[in-house]
C-alpha atoms as a PDB file:
ATOM      1  CA  MET A   1     -50.265  14.444   9.448  1.00  0.00           C
ATOM      2  CA  LYS A   2     -47.057  14.457  11.483  1.00  0.00           C
ATOM      3  CA  PRO A   3     -46.367  10.750  10.892  1.00  0.00           C
ATOM      4  CA  ILE A   4     -46.476  11.358   7.137  1.00  0.00           C
ATOM      5  CA  ARG A   5     -43.933  14.171   7.435  1.00  0.00           C
ATOM      6  CA  HIS A   6     -41.632  11.800   9.311  1.00  0.00           C
ATOM      7  CA  LEU A   7     -42.114   9.214   6.600  1.00  0.00           C
ATOM      8  CA  ARG A   8     -41.263  11.784   3.924  1.00  0.00           C
ATOM      9  CA  PHE A   9     -38.138  12.787   5.816  1.00  0.00           C
ATOM     10  CA  PHE A  10     -37.182   9.137   6.245  1.00  0.00           C
ATOM     11  CA  ALA A  11     -37.875   8.364   2.580  1.00  0.00           C
ATOM     12  CA  ARG A  12     -35.820  11.364   1.474  1.00  0.00           C
ATOM     13  CA  GLY A  13     -32.993  10.367   3.823  1.00  0.00           C
ATOM     14  CA  ALA A  14     -33.151   6.774   2.643  1.00  0.00           C
ATOM     15  CA  ALA A  15     -32.739   7.981  -0.935  1.00  0.00           C
ATOM     16  CA  VAL A  16     -29.839  10.322  -0.121  1.00  0.00           C
ATOM     17  CA  PHE A  17     -27.865   7.952   2.128  1.00  0.00           C
ATOM     18  CA  PRO A  18     -26.844   5.486  -0.604  1.00  0.00           C
ATOM     19  CA  VAL A  19     -25.668   8.361  -2.793  1.00  0.00           C
ATOM     20  CA  LEU A  20     -23.588   9.900  -0.005  1.00  0.00           C
ATOM     21  CA  PHE A  21     -22.269   6.509   1.056  1.00  0.00           C
ATOM     22  CA  GLY A  22     -21.396   5.696  -2.533  1.00  0.00           C
ATOM     23  CA  LEU A  23     -19.480   8.940  -2.916  1.00  0.00           C
ATOM     24  CA  ALA A  24     -17.551   8.320   0.302  1.00  0.00           C
ATOM     25  CA  ALA A  25     -16.576   4.846  -0.885  1.00  0.00           C
ATOM     26  CA  CYS A  26     -15.326   6.159  -4.248  1.00  0.00           C
ATOM     27  CA  GLY A  27     -11.604   5.957  -3.724  1.00  0.00           C
ATOM     28  CA  PRO A  28      -9.256   5.238  -6.604  1.00  0.00           C
ATOM     29  CA  GLN A  29     -10.180   1.971  -8.242  1.00  0.00           C
ATOM     30  CA  PRO A  30      -7.698  -0.589  -9.559  1.00  0.00           C
ATOM     31  CA  THR A  31      -6.815  -0.279 -13.211  1.00  0.00           C
ATOM     32  CA  LEU A  32      -4.924  -3.561 -13.463  1.00  0.00           C
ATOM     33  CA  GLN A  33      -6.252  -7.088 -13.243  1.00  0.00           C
ATOM     34  CA  VAL A  34      -4.264  -9.395 -10.986  1.00  0.00           C
ATOM     35  CA  PRO A  35      -4.377 -13.166 -10.527  1.00  0.00           C
ATOM     36  CA  ALA A  36      -6.947 -14.464  -8.038  1.00  0.00           C
ATOM     37  CA  GLU A  37      -4.414 -15.020  -5.242  1.00  0.00           C
ATOM     38  CA  TYR A  38      -3.583 -11.273  -5.217  1.00  0.00           C
ATOM     39  CA  GLN A  39      -7.096  -9.848  -5.598  1.00  0.00           C
ATOM     40  CA  LEU A  40      -7.816  -9.721  -1.873  1.00  0.00           C
ATOM     41  CA  GLY A  41      -4.642  -7.707  -1.288  1.00  0.00           C
ATOM     42  CA  GLN A  42      -5.557  -5.439  -4.194  1.00  0.00           C
ATOM     43  CA  LYS A  43      -9.011  -4.889  -2.684  1.00  0.00           C
ATOM     44  CA  HIS A  44      -7.556  -4.030   0.748  1.00  0.00           C
ATOM     45  CA  PHE A  45      -4.887  -1.787  -0.796  1.00  0.00           C
ATOM     46  CA  HIS A  46      -7.472   0.218  -2.709  1.00  0.00           C
ATOM     47  CA  ARG A  47      -9.696   0.499   0.359  1.00  0.00           C
ATOM     48  CA  ILE A  48      -6.928   1.638   2.708  1.00  0.00           C
ATOM     49  CA  CYS A  49      -3.905   2.902   0.757  1.00  0.00           C
ATOM     50  CA  ALA A  50      -4.907   4.063  -2.724  1.00  0.00           C
ATOM     51  CA  ASN A  51      -6.263   7.467  -1.687  1.00  0.00           C
ATOM     52  CA  CYS A  52      -2.691   8.493  -0.921  1.00  0.00           C
ATOM     53  CA  HIS A  53      -0.505   6.039  -2.880  1.00  0.00           C
ATOM     54  CA  GLY A  54      -2.673   6.086  -5.998  1.00  0.00           C
ATOM     55  CA  PRO A  55      -4.430   3.420  -8.036  1.00  0.00           C
ATOM     56  CA  ASP A  56      -2.324   0.274  -8.287  1.00  0.00           C
ATOM     57  CA  ALA A  57       0.286   1.917  -5.982  1.00  0.00           C
ATOM     58  CA  MET A  58       1.604   3.966  -8.911  1.00  0.00           C
ATOM     59  CA  GLY A  59       1.599   7.304  -7.103  1.00  0.00           C
ATOM     60  CA  LYS A  60       1.529   9.745 -10.021  1.00  0.00           C
ATOM     61  CA  THR A  61      -0.195  12.882  -8.703  1.00  0.00           C
ATOM     62  CA  THR A  62      -0.757  11.705  -5.144  1.00  0.00           C
ATOM     63  CA  LYS A  63       0.578  13.014  -1.853  1.00  0.00           C
ATOM     64  CA  ALA A  64       2.415   9.760  -1.031  1.00  0.00           C
ATOM     65  CA  PRO A  65       5.140   7.970  -2.966  1.00  0.00           C
ATOM     66  CA  ARG A  66       4.520   5.322  -5.569  1.00  0.00           C
ATOM     67  CA  LEU A  67       5.230   1.913  -4.084  1.00  0.00           C
ATOM     68  CA  ILE A  68       5.854   0.211  -7.414  1.00  0.00           C
ATOM     69  CA  ASP A  69       9.413   1.438  -7.416  1.00  0.00           C
ATOM     70  CA  ALA A  70      12.865  -0.047  -6.787  1.00  0.00           C
ATOM     71  CA  GLU A  71      13.096   1.990  -3.584  1.00  0.00           C
ATOM     72  CA  TYR A  72      10.367  -0.224  -2.079  1.00  0.00           C
ATOM     73  CA  LEU A  73      11.728  -3.625  -3.109  1.00  0.00           C
ATOM     74  CA  PRO A  74      12.360  -6.082  -0.240  1.00  0.00           C
ATOM     75  CA  GLY A  75      16.104  -5.368  -0.139  1.00  0.00           C
ATOM     76  CA  ASN A  76      15.436  -1.677   0.505  1.00  0.00           C
ATOM     77  CA  PHE A  77      12.100  -1.851   2.306  1.00  0.00           C
ATOM     78  CA  PRO A  78      11.482  -5.320   3.825  1.00  0.00           C
ATOM     79  CA  ASP A  79       7.993  -6.692   4.389  1.00  0.00           C
ATOM     80  CA  GLU A  80       8.306  -6.192   8.148  1.00  0.00           C
ATOM     81  CA  GLU A  81       9.114  -2.514   7.593  1.00  0.00           C
ATOM     82  CA  ILE A  82       5.998  -2.114   5.423  1.00  0.00           C
ATOM     83  CA  ARG A  83       3.961  -3.807   8.142  1.00  0.00           C
ATOM     84  CA  GLN A  84       5.370  -1.528  10.852  1.00  0.00           C
ATOM     85  CA  THR A  85       4.811   1.567   8.716  1.00  0.00           C
ATOM     86  CA  VAL A  86       1.163   0.650   8.164  1.00  0.00           C
ATOM     87  CA  ILE A  87       0.643  -0.035  11.878  1.00  0.00           C
ATOM     88  CA  GLU A  88       2.656   2.829  13.388  1.00  0.00           C
ATOM     89  CA  GLY A  89       2.686   5.384  10.590  1.00  0.00           C
ATOM     90  CA  THR A  90       5.582   7.744   9.884  1.00  0.00           C
ATOM     91  CA  GLY A  91       6.151  11.480  10.143  1.00  0.00           C
ATOM     92  CA  LYS A  92       3.955  12.032   7.078  1.00  0.00           C
ATOM     93  CA  MET A  93       1.722   8.954   7.120  1.00  0.00           C
ATOM     94  CA  PRO A  94      -0.762   8.373   9.924  1.00  0.00           C
ATOM     95  CA  SER A  95      -1.143   4.933  11.459  1.00  0.00           C
ATOM     96  CA  GLN A  96      -3.651   2.776   9.630  1.00  0.00           C
ATOM     97  CA  ARG A  97      -4.002   0.322  12.539  1.00  0.00           C
ATOM     98  CA  ALA A  98      -7.686   1.061  13.153  1.00  0.00           C
ATOM     99  CA  LYS A  99      -8.507   0.399   9.476  1.00  0.00           C
ATOM    100  CA  VAL A 100      -6.635  -2.847   8.828  1.00  0.00           C
ATOM    101  CA  THR A 101      -6.005  -6.265  10.374  1.00  0.00           C
ATOM    102  CA  ASP A 102      -2.705  -8.143  10.399  1.00  0.00           C
ATOM    103  CA  GLY A 103      -4.104 -10.541   7.803  1.00  0.00           C
ATOM    104  CA  GLU A 104      -5.110  -7.652   5.539  1.00  0.00           C
ATOM    105  CA  ILE A 105      -1.624  -6.136   5.855  1.00  0.00           C
ATOM    106  CA  ALA A 106      -0.105  -9.473   4.815  1.00  0.00           C
ATOM    107  CA  GLU A 107      -2.409  -9.577   1.770  1.00  0.00           C
ATOM    108  CA  ILE A 108      -1.507  -5.976   0.857  1.00  0.00           C
ATOM    109  CA  ILE A 109       2.205  -6.782   1.040  1.00  0.00           C
ATOM    110  CA  LYS A 110       1.721  -9.888  -1.100  1.00  0.00           C
ATOM    111  CA  TYR A 111      -0.161  -7.767  -3.651  1.00  0.00           C
ATOM    112  CA  LEU A 112       2.546  -5.056  -3.652  1.00  0.00           C
ATOM    113  CA  ARG A 113       5.336  -7.597  -4.174  1.00  0.00           C
ATOM    114  CA  TYR A 114       3.425  -9.195  -7.046  1.00  0.00           C
ATOM    115  CA  SER A 115       2.785  -5.755  -8.580  1.00  0.00           C
ATOM    116  CA  GLN A 116       6.469  -4.845  -8.364  1.00  0.00           C
ATOM    117  CA  LYS A 117       7.468  -8.059 -10.147  1.00  0.00           C
ATOM    118  CA  SER A 118       4.756  -7.744 -12.789  1.00  0.00           C
ATOM    119  CA  ALA A 119       5.962  -4.182 -13.489  1.00  0.00           C
ATOM    120  CA  GLY A 120       9.442  -5.593 -14.116  1.00  0.00           C
ATOM    121  CA  ILE A 121      10.908  -4.031 -10.998  1.00  0.00           C
ATOM    122  CA  VAL A 122      13.186  -6.645  -9.473  1.00  0.00           C
ATOM    123  CA  GLU A 123      16.210  -6.524  -7.277  1.00  0.00           C
ATOM    124  CA  ASP A 124      19.461  -6.565  -9.180  1.00  0.00           C
ATOM    125  CA  PRO A 125      21.471  -9.599  -8.010  1.00  0.00           C
ATOM    126  CA  ASP A 126      24.641  -7.986  -9.424  1.00  0.00           C
ATOM    127  CA  GLU A 127      24.135  -5.030  -7.073  1.00  0.00           C
ATOM    128  CA  GLU A 128      24.095  -7.367  -4.051  1.00  0.00           C
ATOM    129  CA  GLU A 129      27.250  -9.087  -5.296  1.00  0.00           C
ATOM    130  CA  ASP A 130      28.925  -5.692  -5.816  1.00  0.00           C
ATOM    131  CA  GLU A 131      28.087  -4.714  -2.223  1.00  0.00           C
ATOM    132  CA  GLU A 132      29.479  -8.019  -0.923  1.00  0.00           C
ATOM    133  CA  ASP A 133      32.639  -7.589  -3.036  1.00  0.00           C
ATOM    134  CA  PHE A 134      33.057  -4.027  -1.750  1.00  0.00           C
ATOM    135  CA  ALA A 135      32.662  -5.199   1.843  1.00  0.00           C
ATOM    136  CA  ALA A 136      35.249  -7.940   1.315  1.00  0.00           C
ATOM    137  CA  VAL A 137      37.718  -5.484  -0.233  1.00  0.00           C
ATOM    138  CA  GLU A 138      37.059  -2.958   2.526  1.00  0.00           C
ATOM    139  CA  ASP A 139      37.746  -5.645   5.172  1.00  0.00           C
ATOM    140  CA  ALA A 140      40.944  -6.679   3.443  1.00  0.00           C
ATOM    141  CA  VAL A 141      42.231  -3.118   3.080  1.00  0.00           C
ATOM    142  CA  SER A 142      41.239  -1.689   6.451  1.00  0.00           C
ATOM    143  CA  PRO A 143      43.882  -2.001   9.147  1.00  0.00           C
ATOM    144  CA  GLU A 144      43.053  -4.341  11.958  1.00  0.00           C
ATOM    145  CA  SER A 145      42.742  -2.775  15.348  1.00  0.00           C
ATOM    146  CA  PRO A 146      45.143  -4.039  18.019  1.00  0.00           C
END
């Protein structure tokens, strides 16, 4: 009779495991469809980042900031800085190095940049010109050191 008990335990465990595994894998799912060349990045983002940054990187009621925001455009937050943040973490964000490869990070960044553009969030070229003009005026006005 003992072997049957073991089989019952195994059968019960085999039935419970997929349910528990399924619940553990239930992170936020994407709500937006993206072109095929960005789907891999979207998949990796939702596997690694969406629990904190929200579905489609929109933040909303999450503990981490939304990444589809002007603050995270390349001029403010370059791709290399995103990569380093994912690998090393920050004061609030733990390193994700054990969960992601360099290739997956590149795909995530590509997906984020596409998502920013598709949301209409683009860098303002006039702002860059204004900064250059300000720097030129500042150089012209500031006294030269001897």
